[in-house]
Amino acid sequence: MNLIRNRYQMVLIAALILVTLLAGSVSAEKKVVTYWSWSPVKNTTDKMVAAFEAENPDITIKATIYNYPDFLLALKTA
């Protein structure tokens, strides 16, 4: 009985280690988020993106700032 229980525990521990290693490798990938805006002040958007990326080093923001009419057109054609 102890042999079966010990094997079960070893298999469970090995599975947990494997899941932990796989989760670590997935979360290590850098993510890219595309952000579109019609903000008239690009400098403000750049500061917000920089602050967000500083707090979230695994995420890169690809910001595109449009004039408002161009933004509406981009939304319609996206």
Protein backbone atom coordinates (compact mmCIF):
# COMPACT_ATOMS: atom_id res chain seq x y z
CA MET A 1 0.00 0.00 0.00
CA ASN A 2 2.81 2.41 0.88
CA LEU A 3 4.55 1.65 -2.42
CA ILE A 4 1.44 2.61 -4.40
CA ARG A 5 0.95 5.75 -2.31
CA ASN A 6 4.60 6.75 -2.75
CA ARG A 7 4.41 6.23 -6.51
CA TYR A 8 1.21 8.28 -6.65
CA GLN A 9 2.88 11.08 -4.71
CA MET A 10 5.97 10.98 -6.97
CA VAL A 11 3.82 11.13 -10.11
CA LEU A 12 1.82 14.01 -8.65
CA ILE A 13 4.97 15.91 -7.71
CA ALA A 14 6.50 15.32 -11.16
CA ALA A 15 3.29 16.54 -12.82
CA LEU A 16 3.25 19.69 -10.67
CA ILE A 17 6.88 20.41 -11.50
CA LEU A 18 6.21 19.94 -15.21
CA VAL A 19 3.17 22.24 -15.12
CA THR A 20 5.15 24.86 -13.21
CA LEU A 21 7.99 24.76 -15.74
CA LEU A 22 5.64 24.97 -18.68
CA ALA A 23 3.71 27.85 -17.13
CA GLY A 24 6.96 29.70 -16.51
CA SER A 25 8.05 29.34 -20.11
CA VAL A 26 4.68 30.54 -21.43
CA SER A 27 4.57 33.58 -19.18
CA ALA A 28 8.14 34.50 -20.16
CA GLU A 29 6.99 35.30 -23.70
CA LYS A 30 6.68 39.00 -24.42
CA LYS A 31 3.18 40.08 -25.46
CA VAL A 32 2.34 42.89 -27.87
CA VAL A 33 -0.86 44.91 -27.51
CA THR A 34 -1.97 47.13 -30.38
CA TYR A 35 -3.54 50.39 -29.21
CA TRP A 36 -5.31 52.87 -31.49
CA SER A 37 -6.39 56.29 -30.33
CA TRP A 38 -7.41 59.69 -31.61
CA SER A 39 -5.71 61.49 -28.75
CA PRO A 40 -4.75 64.99 -29.87
CA VAL A 41 -1.73 64.96 -27.56
CA LYS A 42 0.70 62.25 -28.69
CA ASN A 43 3.15 63.18 -25.94
CA THR A 44 0.56 62.28 -23.27
CA THR A 45 -0.14 58.92 -24.92
CA ASP A 46 3.58 58.20 -25.13
CA LYS A 47 3.95 58.88 -21.39
CA MET A 48 0.99 56.60 -20.56
CA VAL A 49 2.43 53.82 -22.72
CA ALA A 50 5.87 54.21 -21.14
CA ALA A 51 4.40 54.09 -17.63
CA PHE A 52 2.34 50.99 -18.46
CA GLU A 53 5.30 49.20 -20.03
CA ALA A 54 7.47 50.06 -17.00
CA GLU A 55 4.89 48.41 -14.72
CA ASN A 56 4.40 45.47 -17.12
CA PRO A 57 7.78 44.58 -18.65
CA ASP A 58 6.36 41.49 -20.38
CA ILE A 59 3.92 43.61 -22.44
CA THR A 60 4.81 45.96 -25.30
CA ILE A 61 2.26 48.54 -26.45
CA LYS A 62 2.21 49.32 -30.17
CA ALA A 63 0.42 52.68 -30.12
CA THR A 64 -0.95 54.34 -33.24
CA ILE A 65 -2.35 57.85 -32.89
CA TYR A 66 -4.78 59.05 -35.56
CA ASN A 67 -6.54 62.30 -36.32
CA TYR A 68 -10.17 61.73 -35.38
CA PRO A 69 -11.58 61.31 -38.94
CA ASP A 70 -8.76 58.89 -39.81
CA PHE A 71 -9.41 56.98 -36.59
CA LEU A 72 -13.06 56.46 -37.56
CA LEU A 73 -12.01 55.27 -41.00
CA ALA A 74 -9.45 52.89 -39.52
CA LEU A 75 -12.10 51.41 -37.21
CA LYS A 76 -14.47 50.86 -40.12
CA THR A 77 -11.85 49.15 -42.25
CA ALA A 78 -10.16 47.10 -39.52
